[in-house]
Amino acid sequence: MNTNVIGFYLVVINLVAFLMFGVDKSRARKHQWRVAERSLFLVALVGGSLGAICGMFFFRHKTKNWYFRLGLPLILLVQILLLAAVYYGRI
């Protein structure tokens, strides 16, 4: 697969993850319908973990939930390890 396509995908999915945290924080303040936590984790799992972490701390949203504070960095770590394994031909 073309590295430009992968790079573009990662930029877009991380931007989406970042914005999802912002939208959820805004809706929480207004007592409106919220983005499901499952959706926030799903976007992180499909490549948006860095954007999700940045959004979590930038918007100060979900930072008190241990499963976000631990889960999102853990997802990022696994993704980095998988990417390194693919890059160095281990997988």
C-alpha atoms as a PDB file:
ATOM      1  CA  MET A   1       0.000   0.000   0.000  1.00  0.00           C
ATOM      2  CA  ASN A   2       1.207   3.486  -0.789  1.00  0.00           C
ATOM      3  CA  THR A   3       2.727   5.282   2.222  1.00  0.00           C
ATOM      4  CA  ASN A   4       1.062   8.530   1.135  1.00  0.00           C
ATOM      5  CA  VAL A   5      -2.353   6.887   1.442  1.00  0.00           C
ATOM      6  CA  ILE A   6      -1.499   5.517   4.884  1.00  0.00           C
ATOM      7  CA  GLY A   7      -0.162   8.896   6.001  1.00  0.00           C
ATOM      8  CA  PHE A   8      -3.257  10.692   4.736  1.00  0.00           C
ATOM      9  CA  TYR A   9      -5.509   8.162   6.474  1.00  0.00           C
ATOM     10  CA  LEU A  10      -3.665   8.600   9.781  1.00  0.00           C
ATOM     11  CA  VAL A  11      -3.873  12.388   9.600  1.00  0.00           C
ATOM     12  CA  VAL A  12      -7.603  12.287   8.854  1.00  0.00           C
ATOM     13  CA  ILE A  13      -8.505   9.654  11.480  1.00  0.00           C
ATOM     14  CA  ASN A  14      -6.497  11.463  14.163  1.00  0.00           C
ATOM     15  CA  LEU A  15      -8.183  14.750  13.295  1.00  0.00           C
ATOM     16  CA  VAL A  16     -11.562  13.002  13.507  1.00  0.00           C
ATOM     17  CA  ALA A  17     -10.648  11.539  16.922  1.00  0.00           C
ATOM     18  CA  PHE A  18      -9.489  14.935  18.206  1.00  0.00           C
ATOM     19  CA  LEU A  19     -12.677  16.619  17.009  1.00  0.00           C
ATOM     20  CA  MET A  20     -14.884  13.883  18.467  1.00  0.00           C
ATOM     21  CA  PHE A  21     -13.517  14.638  21.932  1.00  0.00           C
ATOM     22  CA  GLY A  22     -14.196  18.330  21.360  1.00  0.00           C
ATOM     23  CA  VAL A  23     -17.745  17.702  20.191  1.00  0.00           C
ATOM     24  CA  ASP A  24     -18.442  15.380  23.121  1.00  0.00           C
ATOM     25  CA  LYS A  25     -17.094  17.933  25.607  1.00  0.00           C
ATOM     26  CA  SER A  26     -19.232  20.676  24.059  1.00  0.00           C
ATOM     27  CA  ARG A  27     -22.329  18.518  24.192  1.00  0.00           C
ATOM     28  CA  ALA A  28     -21.597  17.511  27.789  1.00  0.00           C
ATOM     29  CA  ARG A  29     -21.510  21.170  28.823  1.00  0.00           C
ATOM     30  CA  LYS A  30     -24.857  21.792  27.127  1.00  0.00           C
ATOM     31  CA  HIS A  31     -26.459  18.618  28.546  1.00  0.00           C
ATOM     32  CA  GLN A  32     -27.112  17.339  25.029  1.00  0.00           C
ATOM     33  CA  TRP A  33     -26.854  13.943  23.359  1.00  0.00           C
ATOM     34  CA  ARG A  34     -23.308  12.617  23.784  1.00  0.00           C
ATOM     35  CA  VAL A  35     -20.844  10.676  21.701  1.00  0.00           C
ATOM     36  CA  ALA A  36     -20.746   7.092  22.970  1.00  0.00           C
ATOM     37  CA  GLU A  37     -17.567   6.094  24.807  1.00  0.00           C
ATOM     38  CA  ARG A  38     -17.478   3.038  22.577  1.00  0.00           C
ATOM     39  CA  SER A  39     -17.224   5.339  19.551  1.00  0.00           C
ATOM     40  CA  LEU A  40     -14.374   7.293  21.140  1.00  0.00           C
ATOM     41  CA  PHE A  41     -12.452   4.073  21.752  1.00  0.00           C
ATOM     42  CA  LEU A  42     -13.294   2.703  18.295  1.00  0.00           C
ATOM     43  CA  VAL A  43     -11.850   5.719  16.496  1.00  0.00           C
ATOM     44  CA  ALA A  44      -8.703   5.313  18.613  1.00  0.00           C
ATOM     45  CA  LEU A  45      -8.474   1.617  17.727  1.00  0.00           C
ATOM     46  CA  VAL A  46      -8.657   2.240  13.985  1.00  0.00           C
ATOM     47  CA  GLY A  47      -5.650   4.563  14.080  1.00  0.00           C
ATOM     48  CA  GLY A  48      -6.782   7.717  15.873  1.00  0.00           C
ATOM     49  CA  SER A  49      -5.185   7.030  19.237  1.00  0.00           C
ATOM     50  CA  LEU A  50      -2.778   9.988  19.159  1.00  0.00           C
ATOM     51  CA  GLY A  51      -5.567  12.376  18.156  1.00  0.00           C
ATOM     52  CA  ALA A  52      -7.785  10.930  20.891  1.00  0.00           C
ATOM     53  CA  ILE A  53      -5.087  11.436  23.536  1.00  0.00           C
ATOM     54  CA  CYS A  54      -4.441  14.987  22.359  1.00  0.00           C
ATOM     55  CA  GLY A  55      -8.185  15.720  22.328  1.00  0.00           C
ATOM     56  CA  MET A  56      -8.639  14.216  25.771  1.00  0.00           C
ATOM     57  CA  PHE A  57      -6.057  16.535  27.317  1.00  0.00           C
ATOM     58  CA  PHE A  58      -6.687  19.598  25.116  1.00  0.00           C
ATOM     59  CA  PHE A  59     -10.403  19.646  25.910  1.00  0.00           C
ATOM     60  CA  ARG A  60      -9.844  18.247  29.437  1.00  0.00           C
ATOM     61  CA  HIS A  61     -12.425  15.601  28.688  1.00  0.00           C
ATOM     62  CA  LYS A  62     -12.542  12.041  30.047  1.00  0.00           C
ATOM     63  CA  THR A  63      -9.286  12.659  31.937  1.00  0.00           C
ATOM     64  CA  LYS A  64     -10.778  11.424  35.219  1.00  0.00           C
ATOM     65  CA  ASN A  65     -11.839   8.089  33.705  1.00  0.00           C
ATOM     66  CA  TRP A  66      -9.043   5.593  34.379  1.00  0.00           C
ATOM     67  CA  TYR A  67      -9.969   3.507  31.355  1.00  0.00           C
ATOM     68  CA  PHE A  68      -9.356   6.471  29.055  1.00  0.00           C
ATOM     69  CA  ARG A  69      -6.193   7.607  30.841  1.00  0.00           C
ATOM     70  CA  LEU A  70      -4.775   4.088  30.676  1.00  0.00           C
ATOM     71  CA  GLY A  71      -6.554   2.655  27.630  1.00  0.00           C
ATOM     72  CA  LEU A  72      -5.741   5.292  25.026  1.00  0.00           C
ATOM     73  CA  PRO A  73      -1.967   5.346  25.678  1.00  0.00           C
ATOM     74  CA  LEU A  74      -1.995   1.539  25.735  1.00  0.00           C
ATOM     75  CA  ILE A  75      -3.728   1.472  22.334  1.00  0.00           C
ATOM     76  CA  LEU A  76      -1.135   3.936  20.997  1.00  0.00           C
ATOM     77  CA  LEU A  77       1.723   1.818  22.339  1.00  0.00           C
ATOM     78  CA  VAL A  78       0.352  -1.335  20.706  1.00  0.00           C
ATOM     79  CA  GLN A  79      -0.125   0.520  17.416  1.00  0.00           C
ATOM     80  CA  ILE A  80       3.456   1.827  17.508  1.00  0.00           C
ATOM     81  CA  LEU A  81       4.788  -1.668  18.237  1.00  0.00           C
ATOM     82  CA  LEU A  82       2.727  -3.168  15.400  1.00  0.00           C
ATOM     83  CA  LEU A  83       3.871  -0.459  13.003  1.00  0.00           C
ATOM     84  CA  ALA A  84       7.500  -1.051  13.990  1.00  0.00           C
ATOM     85  CA  ALA A  85       7.081  -4.806  13.561  1.00  0.00           C
ATOM     86  CA  VAL A  86       5.628  -4.334  10.081  1.00  0.00           C
ATOM     87  CA  TYR A  87       8.289  -1.794   9.140  1.00  0.00           C
ATOM     88  CA  TYR A  88      11.159  -4.043  10.237  1.00  0.00           C
ATOM     89  CA  GLY A  89       9.619  -7.100   8.611  1.00  0.00           C
ATOM     90  CA  ARG A  90       8.700  -8.998  11.769  1.00  0.00           C
ATOM     91  CA  ILE A  91       5.080  -9.386  10.693  1.00  0.00           C
END
